[in-house]
Full PDB file with SEQRES, HELIX, SHEET, SSBOND, CRYST1, ORIGX, SCALE, CONECT and MASTER records, all heavy atoms in Angstrom:
SEQRES   1 A   36  SER TYR ASP SER PRO GLY SER GLY VAL VAL LYS TRP THR          
SEQRES   2 A   36  GLN PRO ARG ARG SER PRO LEU ALA PRO PRO PRO SER ALA          
SEQRES   3 A   36  PRO GLN PRO ALA ALA SER PRO ALA ARG ARG                      
HELIX    1 AA1 PRO A   33  ARG A   35  5                                   3    
CRYST1    1.000    1.000    1.000  90.00  90.00  90.00 P 1           1          
ORIGX1      1.000000  0.000000  0.000000        0.00000                         
ORIGX2      0.000000  1.000000  0.000000        0.00000                         
ORIGX3      0.000000  0.000000  1.000000        0.00000                         
SCALE1      1.000000  0.000000  0.000000        0.00000                         
SCALE2      0.000000  1.000000  0.000000        0.00000                         
SCALE3      0.000000  0.000000  1.000000        0.00000                         
ATOM      1  N   SER A   1     -34.593 177.748 -91.482  1.00  0.00           N  
ATOM      2  CA  SER A   1     -34.874 177.822 -90.048  1.00  0.00           C  
ATOM      3  C   SER A   1     -35.271 179.254 -89.693  1.00  0.00           C  
ATOM      4  O   SER A   1     -34.789 180.215 -90.302  1.00  0.00           O  
ATOM      5  CB  SER A   1     -33.656 177.391 -89.222  1.00  0.00           C  
ATOM      6  OG  SER A   1     -32.560 178.242 -89.435  1.00  0.00           O  
ATOM      7  N   TYR A   2     -36.161 179.371 -88.699  1.00  0.00           N  
ATOM      8  CA  TYR A   2     -36.700 180.672 -88.284  1.00  0.00           C  
ATOM      9  C   TYR A   2     -36.796 180.709 -86.767  1.00  0.00           C  
ATOM     10  O   TYR A   2     -37.013 179.679 -86.117  1.00  0.00           O  
ATOM     11  CB  TYR A   2     -38.086 180.889 -88.889  1.00  0.00           C  
ATOM     12  CG  TYR A   2     -38.148 180.742 -90.384  1.00  0.00           C  
ATOM     13  CD1 TYR A   2     -38.401 179.496 -90.970  1.00  0.00           C  
ATOM     14  CD2 TYR A   2     -37.938 181.830 -91.224  1.00  0.00           C  
ATOM     15  CE1 TYR A   2     -38.460 179.353 -92.351  1.00  0.00           C  
ATOM     16  CE2 TYR A   2     -37.994 181.692 -92.617  1.00  0.00           C  
ATOM     17  CZ  TYR A   2     -38.249 180.445 -93.170  1.00  0.00           C  
ATOM     18  OH  TYR A   2     -38.305 180.295 -94.539  1.00  0.00           O  
ATOM     19  N   ASP A   3     -36.688 181.899 -86.206  1.00  0.00           N  
ATOM     20  CA  ASP A   3     -36.863 182.062 -84.772  1.00  0.00           C  
ATOM     21  C   ASP A   3     -38.331 181.845 -84.395  1.00  0.00           C  
ATOM     22  O   ASP A   3     -39.237 182.336 -85.077  1.00  0.00           O  
ATOM     23  CB  ASP A   3     -36.437 183.460 -84.322  1.00  0.00           C  
ATOM     24  CG  ASP A   3     -34.938 183.688 -84.447  1.00  0.00           C  
ATOM     25  OD1 ASP A   3     -34.192 182.686 -84.425  1.00  0.00           O  
ATOM     26  OD2 ASP A   3     -34.522 184.849 -84.563  1.00  0.00           O  
ATOM     27  N   SER A   4     -38.552 181.125 -83.316  1.00  0.00           N  
ATOM     28  CA  SER A   4     -39.917 180.900 -82.848  1.00  0.00           C  
ATOM     29  C   SER A   4     -40.458 182.165 -82.182  1.00  0.00           C  
ATOM     30  O   SER A   4     -39.772 182.780 -81.356  1.00  0.00           O  
ATOM     31  CB  SER A   4     -39.942 179.761 -81.834  1.00  0.00           C  
ATOM     32  OG  SER A   4     -41.188 179.697 -81.180  1.00  0.00           O  
ATOM     33  N   PRO A   5     -41.696 182.561 -82.490  1.00  0.00           N  
ATOM     34  CA  PRO A   5     -42.302 183.673 -81.754  1.00  0.00           C  
ATOM     35  C   PRO A   5     -42.606 183.231 -80.325  1.00  0.00           C  
ATOM     36  O   PRO A   5     -42.823 182.045 -80.059  1.00  0.00           O  
ATOM     37  CB  PRO A   5     -43.580 183.958 -82.537  1.00  0.00           C  
ATOM     38  CG  PRO A   5     -43.929 182.651 -83.158  1.00  0.00           C  
ATOM     39  CD  PRO A   5     -42.623 181.987 -83.492  1.00  0.00           C  
ATOM     40  N   GLY A   6     -42.628 184.186 -79.408  1.00  0.00           N  
ATOM     41  CA  GLY A   6     -43.073 183.903 -78.048  1.00  0.00           C  
ATOM     42  C   GLY A   6     -42.130 183.082 -77.200  1.00  0.00           C  
ATOM     43  O   GLY A   6     -42.537 182.552 -76.153  1.00  0.00           O  
ATOM     44  N   SER A   7     -40.869 182.966 -77.600  1.00  0.00           N  
ATOM     45  CA  SER A   7     -39.926 182.146 -76.839  1.00  0.00           C  
ATOM     46  C   SER A   7     -39.657 182.758 -75.465  1.00  0.00           C  
ATOM     47  O   SER A   7     -39.771 183.975 -75.268  1.00  0.00           O  
ATOM     48  CB  SER A   7     -38.607 182.022 -77.592  1.00  0.00           C  
ATOM     49  OG  SER A   7     -38.790 181.326 -78.801  1.00  0.00           O  
ATOM     50  N   GLY A   8     -39.280 181.911 -74.528  1.00  0.00           N  
ATOM     51  CA  GLY A   8     -38.958 182.385 -73.190  1.00  0.00           C  
ATOM     52  C   GLY A   8     -39.020 181.252 -72.200  1.00  0.00           C  
ATOM     53  O   GLY A   8     -39.003 180.069 -72.575  1.00  0.00           O  
ATOM     54  N   VAL A   9     -39.111 181.580 -70.933  1.00  0.00           N  
ATOM     55  CA  VAL A   9     -39.175 180.592 -69.865  1.00  0.00           C  
ATOM     56  C   VAL A   9     -40.629 180.391 -69.471  1.00  0.00           C  
ATOM     57  O   VAL A   9     -41.380 181.357 -69.300  1.00  0.00           O  
ATOM     58  CB  VAL A   9     -38.360 181.063 -68.641  1.00  0.00           C  
ATOM     59  CG1 VAL A   9     -38.500 180.081 -67.486  1.00  0.00           C  
ATOM     60  CG2 VAL A   9     -36.895 181.208 -69.024  1.00  0.00           C  
ATOM     61  N   VAL A  10     -41.047 179.130 -69.338  1.00  0.00           N  
ATOM     62  CA  VAL A  10     -42.437 178.841 -69.004  1.00  0.00           C  
ATOM     63  C   VAL A  10     -42.758 179.293 -67.584  1.00  0.00           C  
ATOM     64  O   VAL A  10     -41.866 179.443 -66.747  1.00  0.00           O  
ATOM     65  CB  VAL A  10     -42.746 177.341 -69.168  1.00  0.00           C  
ATOM     66  CG1 VAL A  10     -42.578 176.921 -70.618  1.00  0.00           C  
ATOM     67  CG2 VAL A  10     -41.867 176.499 -68.252  1.00  0.00           C  
ATOM     68  N   LYS A  11     -44.051 179.483 -67.320  1.00  0.00           N  
ATOM     69  CA  LYS A  11     -44.478 180.031 -66.030  1.00  0.00           C  
ATOM     70  C   LYS A  11     -44.583 178.986 -64.932  1.00  0.00           C  
ATOM     71  O   LYS A  11     -44.457 179.292 -63.759  1.00  0.00           O  
ATOM     72  CB  LYS A  11     -45.848 180.730 -66.193  1.00  0.00           C  
ATOM     73  CG  LYS A  11     -45.905 181.778 -67.314  1.00  0.00           C  
ATOM     74  CD  LYS A  11     -44.907 182.889 -67.112  1.00  0.00           C  
ATOM     75  CE  LYS A  11     -45.118 184.021 -68.123  1.00  0.00           C  
ATOM     76  NZ  LYS A  11     -44.824 183.602 -69.509  1.00  0.00           N  
ATOM     77  N   TRP A  12     -44.897 177.734 -65.293  1.00  0.00           N  
ATOM     78  CA  TRP A  12     -45.106 176.735 -64.244  1.00  0.00           C  
ATOM     79  C   TRP A  12     -43.781 176.202 -63.715  1.00  0.00           C  
ATOM     80  O   TRP A  12     -42.738 176.278 -64.386  1.00  0.00           O  
ATOM     81  CB  TRP A  12     -45.969 175.581 -64.768  1.00  0.00           C  
ATOM     82  CG  TRP A  12     -45.280 174.739 -65.800  1.00  0.00           C  
ATOM     83  CD1 TRP A  12     -44.422 173.702 -65.604  1.00  0.00           C  
ATOM     84  CD2 TRP A  12     -45.383 174.884 -67.228  1.00  0.00           C  
ATOM     85  NE1 TRP A  12     -43.996 173.188 -66.793  1.00  0.00           N  
ATOM     86  CE2 TRP A  12     -44.568 173.886 -67.802  1.00  0.00           C  
ATOM     87  CE3 TRP A  12     -46.092 175.754 -68.061  1.00  0.00           C  
ATOM     88  CZ2 TRP A  12     -44.439 173.746 -69.181  1.00  0.00           C  
ATOM     89  CZ3 TRP A  12     -45.967 175.602 -69.426  1.00  0.00           C  
ATOM     90  CH2 TRP A  12     -45.146 174.606 -69.970  1.00  0.00           C  
ATOM     91  N   THR A  13     -43.821 175.650 -62.500  1.00  0.00           N  
ATOM     92  CA  THR A  13     -42.617 175.063 -61.897  1.00  0.00           C  
ATOM     93  C   THR A  13     -42.716 173.550 -61.765  1.00  0.00           C  
ATOM     94  O   THR A  13     -41.709 172.867 -61.710  1.00  0.00           O  
ATOM     95  CB  THR A  13     -42.370 175.663 -60.509  1.00  0.00           C  
ATOM     96  OG1 THR A  13     -43.515 175.456 -59.674  1.00  0.00           O  
ATOM     97  CG2 THR A  13     -42.074 177.161 -60.613  1.00  0.00           C  
ATOM     98  N   GLN A  14     -43.943 173.015 -61.695  1.00  0.00           N  
ATOM     99  CA  GLN A  14     -44.144 171.577 -61.597  1.00  0.00           C  
ATOM    100  C   GLN A  14     -45.125 171.132 -62.673  1.00  0.00           C  
ATOM    101  O   GLN A  14     -46.341 171.225 -62.496  1.00  0.00           O  
ATOM    102  CB  GLN A  14     -44.690 171.201 -60.211  1.00  0.00           C  
ATOM    103  CG  GLN A  14     -43.689 171.336 -59.081  1.00  0.00           C  
ATOM    104  CD  GLN A  14     -42.691 170.179 -59.043  1.00  0.00           C  
ATOM    105  OE1 GLN A  14     -42.493 169.474 -60.032  1.00  0.00           O  
ATOM    106  NE2 GLN A  14     -42.059 169.981 -57.911  1.00  0.00           N  
ATOM    107  N   PRO A  15     -44.641 170.657 -63.837  1.00  0.00           N  
ATOM    108  CA  PRO A  15     -45.559 170.213 -64.883  1.00  0.00           C  
ATOM    109  C   PRO A  15     -46.320 168.967 -64.467  1.00  0.00           C  
ATOM    110  O   PRO A  15     -45.832 168.155 -63.670  1.00  0.00           O  
ATOM    111  CB  PRO A  15     -44.633 169.936 -66.067  1.00  0.00           C  
ATOM    112  CG  PRO A  15     -43.315 169.599 -65.437  1.00  0.00           C  
ATOM    113  CD  PRO A  15     -43.224 170.459 -64.206  1.00  0.00           C  
ATOM    114  N   ARG A  16     -47.513 168.818 -64.990  1.00  0.00           N  
ATOM    115  CA  ARG A  16     -48.311 167.619 -64.737  1.00  0.00           C  
ATOM    116  C   ARG A  16     -47.584 166.407 -65.286  1.00  0.00           C  
ATOM    117  O   ARG A  16     -47.030 166.441 -66.381  1.00  0.00           O  
ATOM    118  CB  ARG A  16     -49.683 167.760 -65.397  1.00  0.00           C  
ATOM    119  CG  ARG A  16     -50.669 166.638 -65.039  1.00  0.00           C  
ATOM    120  CD  ARG A  16     -51.958 166.817 -65.811  1.00  0.00           C  
ATOM    121  NE  ARG A  16     -52.949 165.852 -65.378  1.00  0.00           N  
ATOM    122  CZ  ARG A  16     -53.962 166.122 -64.571  1.00  0.00           C  
ATOM    123  NH1 ARG A  16     -54.127 167.355 -64.130  1.00  0.00           N  
ATOM    124  NH2 ARG A  16     -54.830 165.192 -64.223  1.00  0.00           N  
ATOM    125  N   ARG A  17     -47.583 165.315 -64.533  1.00  0.00           N  
ATOM    126  CA  ARG A  17     -46.928 164.072 -64.945  1.00  0.00           C  
ATOM    127  C   ARG A  17     -47.932 163.092 -65.532  1.00  0.00           C  
ATOM    128  O   ARG A  17     -49.107 163.068 -65.136  1.00  0.00           O  
ATOM    129  CB  ARG A  17     -46.235 163.412 -63.752  1.00  0.00           C  
ATOM    130  CG  ARG A  17     -44.951 164.084 -63.325  1.00  0.00           C  
ATOM    131  CD  ARG A  17     -44.387 163.435 -62.063  1.00  0.00           C  
ATOM    132  NE  ARG A  17     -44.265 161.988 -62.175  1.00  0.00           N  
ATOM    133  CZ  ARG A  17     -43.250 161.349 -62.770  1.00  0.00           C  
ATOM    134  NH1 ARG A  17     -42.263 162.049 -63.314  1.00  0.00           N  
ATOM    135  NH2 ARG A  17     -43.215 160.021 -62.829  1.00  0.00           N  
ATOM    136  N   SER A  18     -47.456 162.300 -66.469  1.00  0.00           N  
ATOM    137  CA  SER A  18     -48.285 161.260 -67.052  1.00  0.00           C  
ATOM    138  C   SER A  18     -48.567 160.171 -66.024  1.00  0.00           C  
ATOM    139  O   SER A  18     -47.673 159.761 -65.276  1.00  0.00           O  
ATOM    140  CB  SER A  18     -47.588 160.635 -68.260  1.00  0.00           C  
ATOM    141  OG  SER A  18     -48.260 159.457 -68.679  1.00  0.00           O  
ATOM    142  N   PRO A  19     -49.798 159.650 -65.986  1.00  0.00           N  
ATOM    143  CA  PRO A  19     -50.082 158.513 -65.100  1.00  0.00           C  
ATOM    144  C   PRO A  19     -49.362 157.237 -65.543  1.00  0.00           C  
ATOM    145  O   PRO A  19     -49.278 156.283 -64.776  1.00  0.00           O  
ATOM    146  CB  PRO A  19     -51.599 158.353 -65.193  1.00  0.00           C  
ATOM    147  CG  PRO A  19     -51.953 158.925 -66.530  1.00  0.00           C  
ATOM    148  CD  PRO A  19     -50.998 160.067 -66.745  1.00  0.00           C  
ATOM    149  N   LEU A  20     -48.842 157.226 -66.770  1.00  0.00           N  
ATOM    150  CA  LEU A  20     -48.117 156.067 -67.280  1.00  0.00           C  
ATOM    151  C   LEU A  20     -46.638 156.133 -66.970  1.00  0.00           C  
ATOM    152  O   LEU A  20     -45.911 155.153 -67.173  1.00  0.00           O  
ATOM    153  CB  LEU A  20     -48.297 155.953 -68.803  1.00  0.00           C  
ATOM    154  CG  LEU A  20     -49.737 155.907 -69.318  1.00  0.00           C  
ATOM    155  CD1 LEU A  20     -49.741 155.724 -70.839  1.00  0.00           C  
ATOM    156  CD2 LEU A  20     -50.536 154.820 -68.640  1.00  0.00           C  
ATOM    157  N   ALA A  21     -46.159 157.276 -66.501  1.00  0.00           N  
ATOM    158  CA  ALA A  21     -44.740 157.443 -66.207  1.00  0.00           C  
ATOM    159  C   ALA A  21     -44.384 156.745 -64.893  1.00  0.00           C  
ATOM    160  O   ALA A  21     -45.176 156.755 -63.944  1.00  0.00           O  
ATOM    161  CB  ALA A  21     -44.377 158.919 -66.118  1.00  0.00           C  
ATOM    162  N   PRO A  22     -43.204 156.122 -64.805  1.00  0.00           N  
ATOM    163  CA  PRO A  22     -42.804 155.523 -63.530  1.00  0.00           C  
ATOM    164  C   PRO A  22     -42.619 156.601 -62.477  1.00  0.00           C  
ATOM    165  O   PRO A  22     -42.238 157.728 -62.800  1.00  0.00           O  
ATOM    166  CB  PRO A  22     -41.471 154.831 -63.865  1.00  0.00           C  
ATOM    167  CG  PRO A  22     -40.974 155.535 -65.076  1.00  0.00           C  
ATOM    168  CD  PRO A  22     -42.184 155.952 -65.837  1.00  0.00           C  
ATOM    169  N   PRO A  23     -42.922 156.315 -61.232  1.00  0.00           N  
ATOM    170  CA  PRO A  23     -42.758 157.333 -60.196  1.00  0.00           C  
ATOM    171  C   PRO A  23     -41.293 157.731 -60.051  1.00  0.00           C  
ATOM    172  O   PRO A  23     -40.400 156.902 -60.232  1.00  0.00           O  
ATOM    173  CB  PRO A  23     -43.282 156.634 -58.929  1.00  0.00           C  
ATOM    174  CG  PRO A  23     -43.173 155.174 -59.222  1.00  0.00           C  
ATOM    175  CD  PRO A  23     -43.371 155.023 -60.694  1.00  0.00           C  
ATOM    176  N   PRO A  24     -41.020 158.999 -59.747  1.00  0.00           N  
ATOM    177  CA  PRO A  24     -39.634 159.419 -59.554  1.00  0.00           C  
ATOM    178  C   PRO A  24     -39.025 158.717 -58.348  1.00  0.00           C  
ATOM    179  O   PRO A  24     -39.718 158.397 -57.373  1.00  0.00           O  
ATOM    180  CB  PRO A  24     -39.738 160.931 -59.338  1.00  0.00           C  
ATOM    181  CG  PRO A  24     -41.142 161.158 -58.887  1.00  0.00           C  
ATOM    182  CD  PRO A  24     -41.970 160.101 -59.548  1.00  0.00           C  
ATOM    183  N   SER A  25     -37.740 158.484 -58.426  1.00  0.00           N  
ATOM    184  CA  SER A  25     -37.071 157.771 -57.327  1.00  0.00           C  
ATOM    185  C   SER A  25     -36.992 158.611 -56.064  1.00  0.00           C  
ATOM    186  O   SER A  25     -36.851 158.094 -54.965  1.00  0.00           O  
ATOM    187  CB  SER A  25     -35.654 157.357 -57.758  1.00  0.00           C  
ATOM    188  OG  SER A  25     -34.923 158.493 -58.199  1.00  0.00           O  
ATOM    189  N   ALA A  26     -37.089 159.933 -56.227  1.00  0.00           N  
ATOM    190  CA  ALA A  26     -37.057 160.843 -55.087  1.00  0.00           C  
ATOM    191  C   ALA A  26     -37.930 162.046 -55.430  1.00  0.00           C  
ATOM    192  O   ALA A  26     -38.139 162.354 -56.605  1.00  0.00           O  
ATOM    193  CB  ALA A  26     -35.627 161.278 -54.770  1.00  0.00           C  
ATOM    194  N   PRO A  27     -38.476 162.726 -54.426  1.00  0.00           N  
ATOM    195  CA  PRO A  27     -39.264 163.925 -54.708  1.00  0.00           C  
ATOM    196  C   PRO A  27     -38.479 164.927 -55.538  1.00  0.00           C  
ATOM    197  O   PRO A  27     -37.293 165.162 -55.293  1.00  0.00           O  
ATOM    198  CB  PRO A  27     -39.578 164.480 -53.317  1.00  0.00           C  
ATOM    199  CG  PRO A  27     -39.463 163.299 -52.408  1.00  0.00           C  
ATOM    200  CD  PRO A  27     -38.383 162.436 -53.004  1.00  0.00           C  
ATOM    201  N   GLN A  28     -39.152 165.494 -56.561  1.00  0.00           N  
ATOM    202  CA  GLN A  28     -38.486 166.426 -57.460  1.00  0.00           C  
ATOM    203  C   GLN A  28     -38.770 167.861 -57.023  1.00  0.00           C  
ATOM    204  O   GLN A  28     -39.931 168.292 -56.988  1.00  0.00           O  
ATOM    205  CB  GLN A  28     -38.989 166.225 -58.903  1.00  0.00           C  
ATOM    206  CG  GLN A  28     -38.753 164.822 -59.433  1.00  0.00           C  
ATOM    207  CD  GLN A  28     -37.287 164.475 -59.495  1.00  0.00           C  
ATOM    208  OE1 GLN A  28     -36.507 165.180 -60.139  1.00  0.00           O  
ATOM    209  NE2 GLN A  28     -36.903 163.395 -58.834  1.00  0.00           N  
ATOM    210  N   PRO A  29     -37.723 168.631 -56.667  1.00  0.00           N  
ATOM    211  CA  PRO A  29     -37.942 170.019 -56.281  1.00  0.00           C  
ATOM    212  C   PRO A  29     -38.356 170.860 -57.470  1.00  0.00           C  
ATOM    213  O   PRO A  29     -37.983 170.580 -58.617  1.00  0.00           O  
ATOM    214  CB  PRO A  29     -36.579 170.473 -55.744  1.00  0.00           C  
ATOM    215  CG  PRO A  29     -35.596 169.579 -56.466  1.00  0.00           C  
ATOM    216  CD  PRO A  29     -36.293 168.262 -56.632  1.00  0.00           C  
ATOM    217  N   ALA A  30     -39.173 171.865 -57.217  1.00  0.00           N  
ATOM    218  CA  ALA A  30     -39.569 172.779 -58.278  1.00  0.00           C  
ATOM    219  C   ALA A  30     -38.357 173.578 -58.732  1.00  0.00           C  
ATOM    220  O   ALA A  30     -37.565 174.059 -57.924  1.00  0.00           O  
ATOM    221  CB  ALA A  30     -40.657 173.717 -57.791  1.00  0.00           C  
ATOM    222  N   ALA A  31     -38.195 173.703 -60.067  1.00  0.00           N  
ATOM    223  CA  ALA A  31     -37.063 174.455 -60.609  1.00  0.00           C  
ATOM    224  C   ALA A  31     -37.335 175.950 -60.508  1.00  0.00           C  
ATOM    225  O   ALA A  31     -38.437 176.409 -60.783  1.00  0.00           O  
ATOM    226  CB  ALA A  31     -36.818 174.056 -62.066  1.00  0.00           C  
ATOM    227  N   SER A  32     -36.321 176.703 -60.124  1.00  0.00           N  
ATOM    228  CA  SER A  32     -36.461 178.148 -60.083  1.00  0.00           C  
ATOM    229  C   SER A  32     -36.420 178.698 -61.503  1.00  0.00           C  
ATOM    230  O   SER A  32     -35.876 178.038 -62.414  1.00  0.00           O  
ATOM    231  CB  SER A  32     -35.316 178.768 -59.277  1.00  0.00           C  
ATOM    232  OG  SER A  32     -34.082 178.584 -59.941  1.00  0.00           O  
ATOM    233  N   PRO A  33     -37.012 179.888 -61.746  1.00  0.00           N  
ATOM    234  CA  PRO A  33     -36.986 180.449 -63.103  1.00  0.00           C  
ATOM    235  C   PRO A  33     -35.574 180.559 -63.672  1.00  0.00           C  
ATOM    236  O   PRO A  33     -35.368 180.355 -64.868  1.00  0.00           O  
ATOM    237  CB  PRO A  33     -37.620 181.830 -62.923  1.00  0.00           C  
ATOM    238  CG  PRO A  33     -38.515 181.659 -61.737  1.00  0.00           C  
ATOM    239  CD  PRO A  33     -37.796 180.709 -60.815  1.00  0.00           C  
ATOM    240  N   ALA A  34     -34.598 180.842 -62.819  1.00  0.00           N  
ATOM    241  CA  ALA A  34     -33.219 180.995 -63.304  1.00  0.00           C  
ATOM    242  C   ALA A  34     -32.642 179.685 -63.809  1.00  0.00           C  
ATOM    243  O   ALA A  34     -31.719 179.679 -64.633  1.00  0.00           O  
ATOM    244  CB  ALA A  34     -32.336 181.555 -62.193  1.00  0.00           C  
ATOM    245  N   ARG A  35     -33.183 178.549 -63.329  1.00  0.00           N  
ATOM    246  CA  ARG A  35     -32.638 177.250 -63.713  1.00  0.00           C  
ATOM    247  C   ARG A  35     -33.434 176.582 -64.823  1.00  0.00           C  
ATOM    248  O   ARG A  35     -33.034 175.524 -65.304  1.00  0.00           O  
ATOM    249  CB  ARG A  35     -32.596 176.334 -62.489  1.00  0.00           C  
ATOM    250  CG  ARG A  35     -31.631 176.808 -61.397  1.00  0.00           C  
ATOM    251  CD  ARG A  35     -31.604 175.816 -60.250  1.00  0.00           C  
ATOM    252  NE  ARG A  35     -31.160 174.499 -60.706  1.00  0.00           N  
ATOM    253  CZ  ARG A  35     -31.205 173.411 -59.936  1.00  0.00           C  
ATOM    254  NH1 ARG A  35     -31.700 173.481 -58.725  1.00  0.00           N  
ATOM    255  NH2 ARG A  35     -30.784 172.257 -60.409  1.00  0.00           N  
ATOM    256  N   ARG A  36     -34.555 177.167 -65.204  1.00  0.00           N  
ATOM    257  CA  ARG A  36     -35.352 176.573 -66.265  1.00  0.00           C  
ATOM    258  C   ARG A  36     -34.917 177.075 -67.626  1.00  0.00           C  
ATOM    259  O   ARG A  36     -34.644 178.250 -67.808  1.00  0.00           O  
ATOM    260  CB  ARG A  36     -36.831 176.882 -66.041  1.00  0.00           C  
ATOM    261  CG  ARG A  36     -37.470 176.032 -64.955  1.00  0.00           C  
ATOM    262  CD  ARG A  36     -38.923 176.367 -64.760  1.00  0.00           C  
ATOM    263  NE  ARG A  36     -39.084 177.445 -63.789  1.00  0.00           N  
ATOM    264  CZ  ARG A  36     -40.056 178.332 -63.838  1.00  0.00           C  
ATOM    265  NH1 ARG A  36     -40.937 178.305 -64.820  1.00  0.00           N  
ATOM    266  NH2 ARG A  36     -40.155 179.264 -62.916  1.00  0.00           N  
TER     267      ARG A  36                                                      
MASTER        0    0    0    1    0    0    0    6  266    1    0    3          
END                                                                             
């Protein structure tokens, strides 16, 4: 096992959803960087 280069927290807050995914039961708030 090896450490992955470039690890960290991603920049986006709302990733694109698949059109095949069922709709969320409630609106999903954007996650803050501290919670991602």
